[in-house]
Amino acid sequence: VDPDDVKGMKIRGGSREVDLVLKAAGAAVVSLP
């Protein structure tokens, strides 16, 4: 829900831009269709 919730999570954002937001919130991003 909140940005804090993604800290340390392996998560897919769907675009480079969403990934940047997730990284800034502390997530580990995964890129795939």
Full PDB file with SEQRES, HELIX, SHEET, SSBOND, CRYST1, ORIGX, SCALE, CONECT and MASTER records, all heavy atoms in Angstrom:
SEQRES   1 A   33  VAL ASP PRO ASP ASP VAL LYS GLY MET LYS ILE ARG GLY          
SEQRES   2 A   33  GLY SER ARG GLU VAL ASP LEU VAL LEU LYS ALA ALA GLY          
SEQRES   3 A   33  ALA ALA VAL VAL SER LEU PRO                                  
HELIX    1 AA1 PRO A    3  VAL A    6  5                                   4    
HELIX    2 AA2 ARG A   16  ALA A   24  1                                   9    
SHEET    1 AA1 2 LYS A  10  ILE A  11  0                                        
SHEET    2 AA1 2 ALA A  28  VAL A  29  1                                        
CRYST1    1.000    1.000    1.000  90.00  90.00  90.00 P 1           1          
ORIGX1      1.000000  0.000000  0.000000        0.00000                         
ORIGX2      0.000000  1.000000  0.000000        0.00000                         
ORIGX3      0.000000  0.000000  1.000000        0.00000                         
SCALE1      1.000000  0.000000  0.000000        0.00000                         
SCALE2      0.000000  1.000000  0.000000        0.00000                         
SCALE3      0.000000  0.000000  1.000000        0.00000                         
ATOM      1  N   VAL A   1       0.847  -1.199   0.000  1.00  0.00           N  
ATOM      2  CA  VAL A   1       0.000   0.000   0.000  1.00  0.00           C  
ATOM      3  C   VAL A   1       0.882   1.249   0.000  1.00  0.00           C  
ATOM      4  O   VAL A   1       0.957   1.977  -0.971  1.00  0.00           O  
ATOM      5  CB  VAL A   1      -0.964   0.001   1.213  1.00  0.00           C  
ATOM      6  CG1 VAL A   1      -1.873   1.236   1.160  1.00  0.00           C  
ATOM      7  CG2 VAL A   1      -1.803  -1.276   1.232  1.00  0.00           C  
ATOM      8  N   ASP A   2       1.577   1.463   1.115  1.00  0.00           N  
ATOM      9  CA  ASP A   2       2.483   2.612   1.233  1.00  0.00           C  
ATOM     10  C   ASP A   2       3.853   2.291   0.631  1.00  0.00           C  
ATOM     11  O   ASP A   2       4.236   1.109   0.563  1.00  0.00           O  
ATOM     12  CB  ASP A   2       2.667   2.986   2.702  1.00  0.00           C  
ATOM     13  CG  ASP A   2       1.448   3.691   3.258  1.00  0.00           C  
ATOM     14  OD1 ASP A   2       1.106   4.759   2.724  1.00  0.00           O  
ATOM     15  OD2 ASP A   2       0.830   3.157   4.212  1.00  0.00           O  
ATOM     16  N   PRO A   3       4.611   3.320   0.251  1.00  0.00           N  
ATOM     17  CA  PRO A   3       5.963   3.099  -0.263  1.00  0.00           C  
ATOM     18  C   PRO A   3       6.841   2.271   0.685  1.00  0.00           C  
ATOM     19  O   PRO A   3       7.650   1.455   0.238  1.00  0.00           O  
ATOM     20  CB  PRO A   3       6.514   4.511  -0.447  1.00  0.00           C  
ATOM     21  CG  PRO A   3       5.306   5.347  -0.717  1.00  0.00           C  
ATOM     22  CD  PRO A   3       4.218   4.751   0.127  1.00  0.00           C  
ATOM     23  N   ASP A   4       6.662   2.440   1.992  1.00  0.00           N  
ATOM     24  CA  ASP A   4       7.460   1.688   2.974  1.00  0.00           C  
ATOM     25  C   ASP A   4       7.256   0.176   2.860  1.00  0.00           C  
ATOM     26  O   ASP A   4       8.129  -0.609   3.245  1.00  0.00           O  
ATOM     27  CB  ASP A   4       7.100   2.127   4.401  1.00  0.00           C  
ATOM     28  CG  ASP A   4       7.681   3.495   4.741  1.00  0.00           C  
ATOM     29  OD1 ASP A   4       8.563   3.958   3.988  1.00  0.00           O  
ATOM     30  OD2 ASP A   4       7.243   4.091   5.742  1.00  0.00           O  
ATOM     31  N   ASP A   5       6.109  -0.229   2.334  1.00  0.00           N  
ATOM     32  CA  ASP A   5       5.783  -1.663   2.258  1.00  0.00           C  
ATOM     33  C   ASP A   5       6.685  -2.451   1.318  1.00  0.00           C  
ATOM     34  O   ASP A   5       6.785  -3.670   1.426  1.00  0.00           O  
ATOM     35  CB  ASP A   5       4.321  -1.851   1.817  1.00  0.00           C  
ATOM     36  CG  ASP A   5       3.333  -1.333   2.843  1.00  0.00           C  
ATOM     37  OD1 ASP A   5       3.659  -1.357   4.041  1.00  0.00           O  
ATOM     38  OD2 ASP A   5       2.235  -0.893   2.436  1.00  0.00           O  
ATOM     39  N   VAL A   6       7.332  -1.770   0.361  1.00  0.00           N  
ATOM     40  CA  VAL A   6       8.130  -2.501  -0.633  1.00  0.00           C  
ATOM     41  C   VAL A   6       9.591  -2.667  -0.228  1.00  0.00           C  
ATOM     42  O   VAL A   6      10.368  -3.300  -0.954  1.00  0.00           O  
ATOM     43  CB  VAL A   6       8.062  -1.833  -2.037  1.00  0.00           C  
ATOM     44  CG1 VAL A   6       6.639  -1.760  -2.526  1.00  0.00           C  
ATOM     45  CG2 VAL A   6       8.732  -0.462  -2.045  1.00  0.00           C  
ATOM     46  N   LYS A   7       9.977  -2.131   0.917  1.00  0.00           N  
ATOM     47  CA  LYS A   7      11.382  -2.244   1.351  1.00  0.00           C  
ATOM     48  C   LYS A   7      11.815  -3.707   1.402  1.00  0.00           C  
ATOM     49  O   LYS A   7      11.197  -4.526   2.061  1.00  0.00           O  
ATOM     50  CB  LYS A   7      11.567  -1.609   2.731  1.00  0.00           C  
ATOM     51  CG  LYS A   7      11.848  -0.122   2.659  1.00  0.00           C  
ATOM     52  CD  LYS A   7      12.095   0.478   4.018  1.00  0.00           C  
ATOM     53  CE  LYS A   7      12.231   2.006   3.897  1.00  0.00           C  
ATOM     54  NZ  LYS A   7      12.167   2.661   5.208  1.00  0.00           N  
ATOM     55  N   GLY A   8      12.894  -4.013   0.663  1.00  0.00           N  
ATOM     56  CA  GLY A   8      13.444  -5.356   0.648  1.00  0.00           C  
ATOM     57  C   GLY A   8      12.677  -6.365  -0.201  1.00  0.00           C  
ATOM     58  O   GLY A   8      13.084  -7.522  -0.298  1.00  0.00           O  
ATOM     59  N   MET A   9      11.578  -5.956  -0.818  1.00  0.00           N  
ATOM     60  CA  MET A   9      10.775  -6.885  -1.623  1.00  0.00           C  
ATOM     61  C   MET A   9      11.323  -7.041  -3.035  1.00  0.00           C  
ATOM     62  O   MET A   9      11.826  -6.088  -3.621  1.00  0.00           O  
ATOM     63  CB  MET A   9       9.325  -6.380  -1.749  1.00  0.00           C  
ATOM     64  CG  MET A   9       8.459  -6.601  -0.553  1.00  0.00           C  
ATOM     65  SD  MET A   9       6.733  -6.136  -0.910  1.00  0.00           S  
ATOM     66  CE  MET A   9       6.082  -7.708  -1.443  1.00  0.00           C  
ATOM     67  N   LYS A  10      11.203  -8.249  -3.585  1.00  0.00           N  
ATOM     68  CA  LYS A  10      11.508  -8.483  -4.999  1.00  0.00           C  
ATOM     69  C   LYS A  10      10.196  -8.281  -5.748  1.00  0.00           C  
ATOM     70  O   LYS A  10       9.261  -9.070  -5.609  1.00  0.00           O  
ATOM     71  CB  LYS A  10      12.040  -9.912  -5.218  1.00  0.00           C  
ATOM     72  CG  LYS A  10      13.439 -10.144  -4.656  1.00  0.00           C  
ATOM     73  CD  LYS A  10      13.895 -11.575  -4.873  1.00  0.00           C  
ATOM     74  CE  LYS A  10      13.200 -12.520  -3.927  1.00  0.00           C  
ATOM     75  NZ  LYS A  10      13.680 -13.918  -4.025  1.00  0.00           N  
ATOM     76  N   ILE A  11      10.143  -7.199  -6.512  1.00  0.00           N  
ATOM     77  CA  ILE A  11       8.865  -6.791  -7.100  1.00  0.00           C  
ATOM     78  C   ILE A  11       9.013  -6.325  -8.547  1.00  0.00           C  
ATOM     79  O   ILE A  11      10.040  -5.743  -8.916  1.00  0.00           O  
ATOM     80  CB  ILE A  11       8.223  -5.687  -6.213  1.00  0.00           C  
ATOM     81  CG1 ILE A  11       6.837  -5.288  -6.720  1.00  0.00           C  
ATOM     82  CG2 ILE A  11       9.114  -4.480  -6.077  1.00  0.00           C  
ATOM     83  CD1 ILE A  11       6.061  -4.417  -5.731  1.00  0.00           C  
ATOM     84  N   ARG A  12       8.010  -6.588  -9.333  1.00  0.00           N  
ATOM     85  CA  ARG A  12       7.976  -6.168 -10.737  1.00  0.00           C  
ATOM     86  C   ARG A  12       7.121  -4.905 -10.863  1.00  0.00           C  
ATOM     87  O   ARG A  12       5.981  -4.862 -10.399  1.00  0.00           O  
ATOM     88  CB  ARG A  12       7.360  -7.294 -11.577  1.00  0.00           C  
ATOM     89  CG  ARG A  12       7.328  -7.015 -13.073  1.00  0.00           C  
ATOM     90  CD  ARG A  12       5.948  -6.708 -13.579  1.00  0.00           C  
ATOM     91  NE  ARG A  12       5.926  -6.703 -15.046  1.00  0.00           N  
ATOM     92  CZ  ARG A  12       4.926  -6.237 -15.779  1.00  0.00           C  
ATOM     93  NH1 ARG A  12       3.863  -5.725 -15.206  1.00  0.00           N  
ATOM     94  NH2 ARG A  12       4.981  -6.270 -17.095  1.00  0.00           N  
ATOM     95  N   GLY A  13       7.693  -3.858 -11.485  1.00  0.00           N  
ATOM     96  CA  GLY A  13       6.970  -2.589 -11.613  1.00  0.00           C  
ATOM     97  C   GLY A  13       6.255  -2.423 -12.936  1.00  0.00           C  
ATOM     98  O   GLY A  13       5.204  -1.793 -13.014  1.00  0.00           O  
ATOM     99  N   GLY A  14       6.838  -2.967 -14.005  1.00  0.00           N  
ATOM    100  CA  GLY A  14       6.192  -2.889 -15.312  1.00  0.00           C  
ATOM    101  C   GLY A  14       6.805  -1.894 -16.267  1.00  0.00           C  
ATOM    102  O   GLY A  14       6.526  -1.915 -17.458  1.00  0.00           O  
ATOM    103  N   SER A  15       7.636  -0.985 -15.764  1.00  0.00           N  
ATOM    104  CA  SER A  15       8.356  -0.049 -16.647  1.00  0.00           C  
ATOM    105  C   SER A  15       9.583   0.461 -15.910  1.00  0.00           C  
ATOM    106  O   SER A  15       9.679   0.362 -14.674  1.00  0.00           O  
ATOM    107  CB  SER A  15       7.462   1.139 -17.046  1.00  0.00           C  
ATOM    108  OG  SER A  15       7.360   2.090 -15.995  1.00  0.00           O  
ATOM    109  N   ARG A  16      10.504   1.014 -16.670  1.00  0.00           N  
ATOM    110  CA  ARG A  16      11.729   1.555 -16.074  1.00  0.00           C  
ATOM    111  C   ARG A  16      11.380   2.631 -15.047  1.00  0.00           C  
ATOM    112  O   ARG A  16      12.003   2.726 -13.979  1.00  0.00           O  
ATOM    113  CB  ARG A  16      12.598   2.147 -17.181  1.00  0.00           C  
ATOM    114  CG  ARG A  16      13.941   2.683 -16.684  1.00  0.00           C  
ATOM    115  CD  ARG A  16      14.790   3.229 -17.834  1.00  0.00           C  
ATOM    116  NE  ARG A  16      16.089   3.617 -17.341  1.00  0.00           N  
ATOM    117  CZ  ARG A  16      16.344   4.782 -16.735  1.00  0.00           C  
ATOM    118  NH1 ARG A  16      15.369   5.653 -16.559  1.00  0.00           N  
ATOM    119  NH2 ARG A  16      17.559   5.062 -16.308  1.00  0.00           N  
ATOM    120  N   GLU A  17      10.378   3.433 -15.370  1.00  0.00           N  
ATOM    121  CA  GLU A  17       9.999   4.539 -14.494  1.00  0.00           C  
ATOM    122  C   GLU A  17       9.403   4.054 -13.173  1.00  0.00           C  
ATOM    123  O   GLU A  17       9.717   4.568 -12.100  1.00  0.00           O  
ATOM    124  CB  GLU A  17       9.012   5.465 -15.227  1.00  0.00           C  
ATOM    125  CG  GLU A  17       9.675   6.482 -16.144  1.00  0.00           C  
ATOM    126  CD  GLU A  17      10.513   5.843 -17.255  1.00  0.00           C  
ATOM    127  OE1 GLU A  17      10.138   4.759 -17.753  1.00  0.00           O  
ATOM    128  OE2 GLU A  17      11.542   6.418 -17.620  1.00  0.00           O  
ATOM    129  N   VAL A  18       8.532   3.049 -13.247  1.00  0.00           N  
ATOM    130  CA  VAL A  18       7.972   2.487 -12.011  1.00  0.00           C  
ATOM    131  C   VAL A  18       9.090   1.831 -11.199  1.00  0.00           C  
ATOM    132  O   VAL A  18       9.132   1.940  -9.969  1.00  0.00           O  
ATOM    133  CB  VAL A  18       6.849   1.474 -12.317  1.00  0.00           C  
ATOM    134  CG1 VAL A  18       6.306   0.874 -11.008  1.00  0.00           C  
ATOM    135  CG2 VAL A  18       5.708   2.135 -13.079  1.00  0.00           C  
ATOM    136  N   ASP A  19      10.014   1.177 -11.893  1.00  0.00           N  
ATOM    137  CA  ASP A  19      11.146   0.540 -11.213  1.00  0.00           C  
ATOM    138  C   ASP A  19      11.986   1.569 -10.431  1.00  0.00           C  
ATOM    139  O   ASP A  19      12.466   1.281  -9.332  1.00  0.00           O  
ATOM    140  CB  ASP A  19      12.040  -0.188 -12.216  1.00  0.00           C  
ATOM    141  CG  ASP A  19      11.407  -1.462 -12.755  1.00  0.00           C  
ATOM    142  OD1 ASP A  19      10.355  -1.869 -12.215  1.00  0.00           O  
ATOM    143  OD2 ASP A  19      11.962  -2.039 -13.710  1.00  0.00           O  
ATOM    144  N   LEU A  20      12.159   2.753 -11.001  1.00  0.00           N  
ATOM    145  CA  LEU A  20      12.926   3.803 -10.319  1.00  0.00           C  
ATOM    146  C   LEU A  20      12.258   4.206  -9.012  1.00  0.00           C  
ATOM    147  O   LEU A  20      12.926   4.436  -8.001  1.00  0.00           O  
ATOM    148  CB  LEU A  20      13.074   5.032 -11.229  1.00  0.00           C  
ATOM    149  CG  LEU A  20      14.073   4.920 -12.384  1.00  0.00           C  
ATOM    150  CD1 LEU A  20      13.961   6.120 -13.314  1.00  0.00           C  
ATOM    151  CD2 LEU A  20      15.503   4.806 -11.851  1.00  0.00           C  
ATOM    152  N   VAL A  21      10.928   4.289  -9.045  1.00  0.00           N  
ATOM    153  CA  VAL A  21      10.169   4.636  -7.837  1.00  0.00           C  
ATOM    154  C   VAL A  21      10.310   3.530  -6.795  1.00  0.00           C  
ATOM    155  O   VAL A  21      10.535   3.795  -5.605  1.00  0.00           O  
ATOM    156  CB  VAL A  21       8.679   4.868  -8.191  1.00  0.00           C  
ATOM    157  CG1 VAL A  21       7.848   5.059  -6.921  1.00  0.00           C  
ATOM    158  CG2 VAL A  21       8.531   6.095  -9.088  1.00  0.00           C  
ATOM    159  N   LEU A  22      10.193   2.292  -7.241  1.00  0.00           N  
ATOM    160  CA  LEU A  22      10.303   1.146  -6.322  1.00  0.00           C  
ATOM    161  C   LEU A  22      11.698   1.069  -5.698  1.00  0.00           C  
ATOM    162  O   LEU A  22      11.846   0.799  -4.502  1.00  0.00           O  
ATOM    163  CB  LEU A  22       9.980  -0.154  -7.063  1.00  0.00           C  
ATOM    164  CG  LEU A  22       8.518  -0.330  -7.495  1.00  0.00           C  
ATOM    165  CD1 LEU A  22       8.377  -1.525  -8.422  1.00  0.00           C  
ATOM    166  CD2 LEU A  22       7.613  -0.488  -6.280  1.00  0.00           C  
ATOM    167  N   LYS A  23      12.728   1.314  -6.533  1.00  0.00           N  
ATOM    168  CA  LYS A  23      14.107   1.303  -6.015  1.00  0.00           C  
ATOM    169  C   LYS A  23      14.294   2.386  -4.957  1.00  0.00           C  
ATOM    170  O   LYS A  23      14.930   2.165  -3.922  1.00  0.00           O  
ATOM    171  CB  LYS A  23      15.108   1.521  -7.158  1.00  0.00           C  
ATOM    172  CG  LYS A  23      15.353   0.285  -8.005  1.00  0.00           C  
ATOM    173  CD  LYS A  23      16.316   0.621  -9.136  1.00  0.00           C  
ATOM    174  CE  LYS A  23      16.463  -0.539 -10.109  1.00  0.00           C  
ATOM    175  NZ  LYS A  23      17.269  -0.163 -11.294  1.00  0.00           N  
ATOM    176  N   ALA A  24      13.733   3.568  -5.240  1.00  0.00           N  
ATOM    177  CA  ALA A  24      13.853   4.683  -4.288  1.00  0.00           C  
ATOM    178  C   ALA A  24      13.168   4.348  -2.969  1.00  0.00           C  
ATOM    179  O   ALA A  24      13.570   4.820  -1.900  1.00  0.00           O  
ATOM    180  CB  ALA A  24      13.241   5.943  -4.889  1.00  0.00           C  
ATOM    181  N   ALA A  25      12.137   3.490  -3.035  1.00  0.00           N  
ATOM    182  CA  ALA A  25      11.413   3.078  -1.828  1.00  0.00           C  
ATOM    183  C   ALA A  25      12.073   1.875  -1.151  1.00  0.00           C  
ATOM    184  O   ALA A  25      11.595   1.404  -0.112  1.00  0.00           O  
ATOM    185  CB  ALA A  25       9.968   2.763  -2.177  1.00  0.00           C  
ATOM    186  N   GLY A  26      13.168   1.363  -1.752  1.00  0.00           N  
ATOM    187  CA  GLY A  26      13.925   0.289  -1.117  1.00  0.00           C  
ATOM    188  C   GLY A  26      13.671  -1.109  -1.636  1.00  0.00           C  
ATOM    189  O   GLY A  26      14.097  -2.094  -1.036  1.00  0.00           O  
ATOM    190  N   ALA A  27      12.991  -1.235  -2.782  1.00  0.00           N  
ATOM    191  CA  ALA A  27      12.690  -2.560  -3.332  1.00  0.00           C  
ATOM    192  C   ALA A  27      13.807  -3.064  -4.238  1.00  0.00           C  
ATOM    193  O   ALA A  27      14.633  -2.286  -4.724  1.00  0.00           O  
ATOM    194  CB  ALA A  27      11.384  -2.507  -4.123  1.00  0.00           C  
ATOM    195  N   ALA A  28      13.816  -4.374  -4.459  1.00  0.00           N  
ATOM    196  CA  ALA A  28      14.696  -4.985  -5.471  1.00  0.00           C  
ATOM    197  C   ALA A  28      13.799  -5.294  -6.666  1.00  0.00           C  
ATOM    198  O   ALA A  28      12.867  -6.092  -6.554  1.00  0.00           O  
ATOM    199  CB  ALA A  28      15.310  -6.271  -4.925  1.00  0.00           C  
ATOM    200  N   VAL A  29      14.038  -4.644  -7.799  1.00  0.00           N  
ATOM    201  CA  VAL A  29      13.098  -4.771  -8.918  1.00  0.00           C  
ATOM    202  C   VAL A  29      13.451  -5.936  -9.842  1.00  0.00           C  
ATOM    203  O   VAL A  29      14.614  -6.304  -9.994  1.00  0.00           O  
ATOM    204  CB  VAL A  29      12.999  -3.461  -9.738  1.00  0.00           C  
ATOM    205  CG1 VAL A  29      12.543  -2.312  -8.862  1.00  0.00           C  
ATOM    206  CG2 VAL A  29      14.309  -3.117 -10.427  1.00  0.00           C  
ATOM    207  N   VAL A  30      12.392  -6.500 -10.432  1.00  0.00           N  
ATOM    208  CA  VAL A  30      12.521  -7.577 -11.411  1.00  0.00           C  
ATOM    209  C   VAL A  30      11.832  -7.108 -12.685  1.00  0.00           C  
ATOM    210  O   VAL A  30      10.694  -6.641 -12.647  1.00  0.00           O  
ATOM    211  CB  VAL A  30      11.844  -8.876 -10.902  1.00  0.00           C  
ATOM    212  CG1 VAL A  30      12.004  -9.996 -11.923  1.00  0.00           C  
ATOM    213  CG2 VAL A  30      12.414  -9.287  -9.547  1.00  0.00           C  
ATOM    214  N   SER A  31      12.525  -7.207 -13.825  1.00  0.00           N  
ATOM    215  CA  SER A  31      11.947  -6.742 -15.096  1.00  0.00           C  
ATOM    216  C   SER A  31      11.580  -7.922 -15.980  1.00  0.00           C  
ATOM    217  O   SER A  31      12.443  -8.738 -16.326  1.00  0.00           O  
ATOM    218  CB  SER A  31      12.944  -5.837 -15.835  1.00  0.00           C  
ATOM    219  OG  SER A  31      13.238  -4.698 -15.058  1.00  0.00           O  
ATOM    220  N   LEU A  32      10.309  -8.018 -16.325  1.00  0.00           N  
ATOM    221  CA  LEU A  32       9.837  -9.040 -17.264  1.00  0.00           C  
ATOM    222  C   LEU A  32       8.435  -8.677 -17.745  1.00  0.00           C  
ATOM    223  O   LEU A  32       7.727  -7.908 -17.112  1.00  0.00           O  
ATOM    224  CB  LEU A  32       9.829 -10.436 -16.609  1.00  0.00           C  
ATOM    225  CG  LEU A  32       9.369 -10.617 -15.172  1.00  0.00           C  
ATOM    226  CD1 LEU A  32       7.856 -10.536 -15.056  1.00  0.00           C  
ATOM    227  CD2 LEU A  32       9.818 -11.980 -14.649  1.00  0.00           C  
ATOM    228  N   PRO A  33       8.013  -9.201 -18.909  1.00  0.00           N  
ATOM    229  CA  PRO A  33       6.666  -8.913 -19.425  1.00  0.00           C  
ATOM    230  C   PRO A  33       5.600  -9.549 -18.528  1.00  0.00           C  
ATOM    231  O   PRO A  33       5.887 -10.498 -17.781  1.00  0.00           O  
ATOM    232  CB  PRO A  33       6.653  -9.569 -20.815  1.00  0.00           C  
ATOM    233  CG  PRO A  33       8.059  -9.928 -21.133  1.00  0.00           C  
ATOM    234  CD  PRO A  33       8.774 -10.057 -19.836  1.00  0.00           C  
TER     235      PRO A  33                                                      
MASTER        0    0    0    2    2    0    0    6  234    1    0    3          
END                                                                             
